[in-house]
Amino acid sequence: MSKLLAGMAGLMLAAAMPVGARAAVLGPDPAACQGDGPAMLVRIEGLKKRAGMLRVQSYGGDPRRYFDKGSYLRRIEFPVPASGPVDVCVPVPGNGTYAVSVRHDVDASGKTGMSDGGGMSGNPQMSLFDVLFKRKPEPGKVQVNVNGVTRVPVVMNYIQGGAFGPIAMASR
């Protein structure tokens, strides 16, 4: 419950900011990205819809275990902001090599559906086959070398017809 409240507090701060002001950093630890870190400042781009929930998970340790169920270091969940950039601060234990995954639960059902999207650090290209059979990308394609506060762009991907890939950012 506290994670949801922290995410909502970040959204309220973003809504209260004047136009042209610096974008709010979401998540329970935005201050970790204002100092020396170590942290990943994840910029989520290419959302299909401005609705639902976002989940950001960080991974460290054995690269072969990146994205294994329950192997994340940190999980941050929050409602999709109505507008503006989506920046999330993800603190990590120390400088080193990590990976990030992002899930967009479009209808906020808590269950994975065909309209939901996903993305990863390094933005590896994945096929619909990879998604359906839960094949993970090679660790070298998703690794992020964190030194201080490190920016990590993640482009979201969605199922579209018989393909899985990025779409244009929705202005809804």
Protein backbone atom coordinates (compact mmCIF):
# COMPACT_ATOMS: atom_id res chain seq x y z
CA MET A 1 0.00 0.00 0.00
CA SER A 2 2.84 2.44 0.81
CA LYS A 3 4.32 1.96 -2.69
CA LEU A 4 1.00 2.98 -4.25
CA LEU A 5 0.77 6.02 -1.97
CA ALA A 6 4.34 7.05 -2.83
CA GLY A 7 3.55 6.78 -6.54
CA MET A 8 0.38 8.80 -6.11
CA ALA A 9 2.27 11.46 -4.15
CA GLY A 10 4.73 11.77 -7.04
CA LEU A 11 1.83 12.21 -9.44
CA MET A 12 0.30 14.95 -7.30
CA LEU A 13 3.63 16.77 -7.23
CA ALA A 14 3.89 16.52 -11.01
CA ALA A 15 0.37 17.89 -11.45
CA ALA A 16 1.12 20.84 -9.16
CA MET A 17 4.28 21.88 -11.02
CA PRO A 18 4.11 24.97 -13.23
CA VAL A 19 4.49 24.51 -16.98
CA GLY A 20 8.16 24.54 -17.94
CA ALA A 21 9.27 23.38 -14.49
CA ARG A 22 11.55 20.38 -14.11
CA ALA A 23 9.62 17.12 -14.44
CA ALA A 24 8.86 15.24 -11.25
CA VAL A 25 10.71 11.99 -10.68
CA LEU A 26 8.32 9.23 -9.65
CA GLY A 27 8.78 6.41 -7.20
CA PRO A 28 9.38 6.25 -3.45
CA ASP A 29 13.02 7.47 -3.65
CA PRO A 30 13.27 10.45 -6.05
CA ALA A 31 16.03 11.99 -3.91
CA ALA A 32 18.39 9.13 -4.84
CA CYS A 33 18.49 10.54 -8.39
CA GLN A 34 19.19 14.10 -7.23
CA GLY A 35 22.45 13.22 -5.51
CA ASP A 36 25.37 11.02 -6.47
CA GLY A 37 23.38 7.77 -6.56
CA PRO A 38 23.94 4.99 -7.18
CA ALA A 39 20.63 4.86 -9.00
CA MET A 40 19.04 4.40 -12.39
CA LEU A 41 16.85 7.22 -13.69
CA VAL A 42 14.48 5.27 -15.94
CA ARG A 43 12.70 7.27 -18.68
CA ILE A 44 9.67 5.33 -19.95
CA GLU A 45 8.70 6.27 -23.50
CA GLY A 46 6.16 5.11 -26.07
CA LEU A 47 3.16 4.43 -23.85
CA LYS A 48 0.16 3.13 -25.77
CA LYS A 49 -2.29 4.80 -23.42
CA ARG A 50 -2.18 7.17 -20.45
CA ALA A 51 -4.09 4.77 -18.22
CA GLY A 52 -3.44 1.82 -15.94
CA MET A 53 -0.40 0.97 -13.84
CA LEU A 54 3.35 0.84 -14.47
CA ARG A 55 5.71 -1.58 -12.75
CA VAL A 56 9.47 -1.02 -12.86
CA GLN A 57 11.78 -3.78 -11.62
CA SER A 58 15.56 -3.73 -11.28
CA TYR A 59 17.82 -6.78 -11.47
CA GLY A 60 21.42 -7.37 -10.43
CA GLY A 61 23.72 -10.25 -9.63
CA ASP A 62 23.85 -13.18 -12.04
CA PRO A 63 22.91 -11.87 -15.53
CA ARG A 64 21.45 -15.29 -16.43
CA ARG A 65 18.78 -14.65 -13.79
CA TYR A 66 17.69 -11.24 -15.10
CA PHE A 67 13.91 -11.24 -15.47
CA ASP A 68 13.42 -14.57 -13.66
CA LYS A 69 10.27 -14.55 -11.56
CA GLY A 70 10.98 -13.16 -8.10
CA SER A 71 14.65 -12.35 -8.82
CA TYR A 72 14.26 -8.58 -8.91
CA LEU A 73 16.12 -6.30 -6.51
CA ARG A 74 13.46 -3.62 -6.38
CA ARG A 75 9.86 -3.27 -7.60
CA ILE A 76 8.15 0.10 -7.97
CA GLU A 77 4.48 0.32 -8.98
CA PHE A 78 2.47 3.48 -9.66
CA PRO A 79 -0.43 4.79 -11.76
CA VAL A 80 0.44 6.04 -15.25
CA PRO A 81 0.68 9.85 -15.13
CA ALA A 82 -1.90 11.67 -17.25
CA SER A 83 0.78 13.64 -19.11
CA GLY A 84 4.42 14.60 -19.22
CA PRO A 85 7.58 12.53 -19.11
CA VAL A 86 7.62 9.36 -17.03
CA ASP A 87 10.88 9.34 -15.06
CA VAL A 88 11.33 6.83 -12.25
CA CYS A 89 14.25 6.77 -9.83
CA VAL A 90 15.42 3.24 -9.02
CA PRO A 91 18.15 3.14 -6.35
CA VAL A 92 20.62 0.24 -6.57
CA PRO A 93 22.97 -1.18 -3.90
CA GLY A 94 26.16 0.13 -5.52
CA ASN A 95 27.82 1.00 -8.79
CA GLY A 96 27.84 -2.03 -11.08
CA THR A 97 25.89 -3.88 -13.76
CA TYR A 98 22.10 -4.07 -13.63
CA ALA A 99 19.01 -4.47 -15.83
CA VAL A 100 15.50 -3.00 -15.76
CA SER A 101 12.10 -4.24 -16.89
CA VAL A 102 8.92 -2.17 -17.22
CA ARG A 103 5.38 -3.52 -17.49
CA HIS A 104 2.36 -1.43 -18.51
CA ASP A 105 -0.85 -2.97 -17.15
CA VAL A 106 -3.15 -0.90 -19.37
CA ASP A 107 -6.41 -1.83 -17.62
CA ALA A 108 -4.85 -2.02 -14.10
CA SER A 109 -6.26 -5.54 -13.68
CA GLY A 110 -3.09 -6.93 -12.12
CA LYS A 111 -3.10 -9.67 -14.75
CA THR A 112 -1.13 -9.78 -17.99
CA GLY A 113 -3.39 -9.20 -20.97
CA MET A 114 -2.95 -8.89 -24.73
CA SER A 115 -3.25 -5.08 -24.55
CA ASP A 116 -0.47 -4.75 -21.95
CA GLY A 117 3.04 -3.69 -22.87
CA GLY A 118 6.58 -4.14 -21.73
CA GLY A 119 10.08 -2.86 -22.15
CA MET A 120 13.63 -3.45 -20.92
CA SER A 121 16.86 -1.59 -20.50
CA GLY A 122 18.88 -1.65 -23.72
CA ASN A 123 15.60 -1.83 -25.67
CA PRO A 124 16.30 -5.25 -27.23
CA GLN A 125 14.24 -6.17 -30.26
CA MET A 126 11.91 -9.04 -29.45
CA SER A 127 9.50 -11.00 -31.60
CA LEU A 128 5.97 -12.03 -30.77
CA PHE A 129 7.37 -15.59 -30.53
CA ASP A 130 9.84 -14.43 -27.84
CA VAL A 131 7.02 -12.81 -25.87
CA LEU A 132 4.57 -15.70 -26.11
CA PHE A 133 7.19 -18.28 -25.12
CA LYS A 134 8.76 -16.01 -22.47
CA ARG A 135 12.23 -16.08 -24.03
CA LYS A 136 14.62 -13.65 -22.39
CA PRO A 137 17.05 -11.46 -24.32
CA GLU A 138 20.78 -12.05 -23.98
CA PRO A 139 22.12 -10.36 -20.81
CA GLY A 140 24.57 -8.21 -22.81
CA LYS A 141 21.64 -6.57 -24.63
CA VAL A 142 19.93 -5.38 -21.45
CA GLN A 143 22.80 -4.61 -19.07
CA VAL A 144 23.27 -1.11 -17.72
CA ASN A 145 26.58 -0.03 -16.21
CA VAL A 146 25.59 2.16 -13.29
CA ASN A 147 28.08 4.72 -12.05
CA GLY A 148 26.40 7.37 -9.90
CA VAL A 149 23.02 8.33 -11.36
CA THR A 150 22.67 6.66 -14.75
CA ARG A 151 19.93 7.49 -17.28
CA VAL A 152 18.15 4.44 -18.69
CA PRO A 153 15.70 4.98 -21.58
CA VAL A 154 13.06 2.26 -21.98
CA VAL A 155 10.80 2.22 -25.04
CA MET A 156 7.57 0.31 -24.47
CA ASN A 157 6.46 -2.49 -26.80
CA TYR A 158 2.95 -3.81 -27.44
CA ILE A 159 1.36 -6.60 -29.47
CA GLN A 160 0.12 -5.16 -32.76
CA GLY A 161 -1.42 -7.63 -35.17
CA GLY A 162 1.17 -10.39 -35.52
CA ALA A 163 4.09 -8.32 -34.24
CA PHE A 164 5.49 -7.02 -30.96
CA GLY A 165 7.15 -3.62 -30.97
CA PRO A 166 7.04 0.10 -30.19
CA ILE A 167 4.14 2.32 -31.15
CA ALA A 168 3.78 6.10 -31.33
CA MET A 169 3.30 7.85 -27.99
CA ALA A 170 -0.40 8.31 -27.35
CA SER A 171 -1.48 11.85 -26.61
CA ARG A 172 -4.60 10.70 -24.77
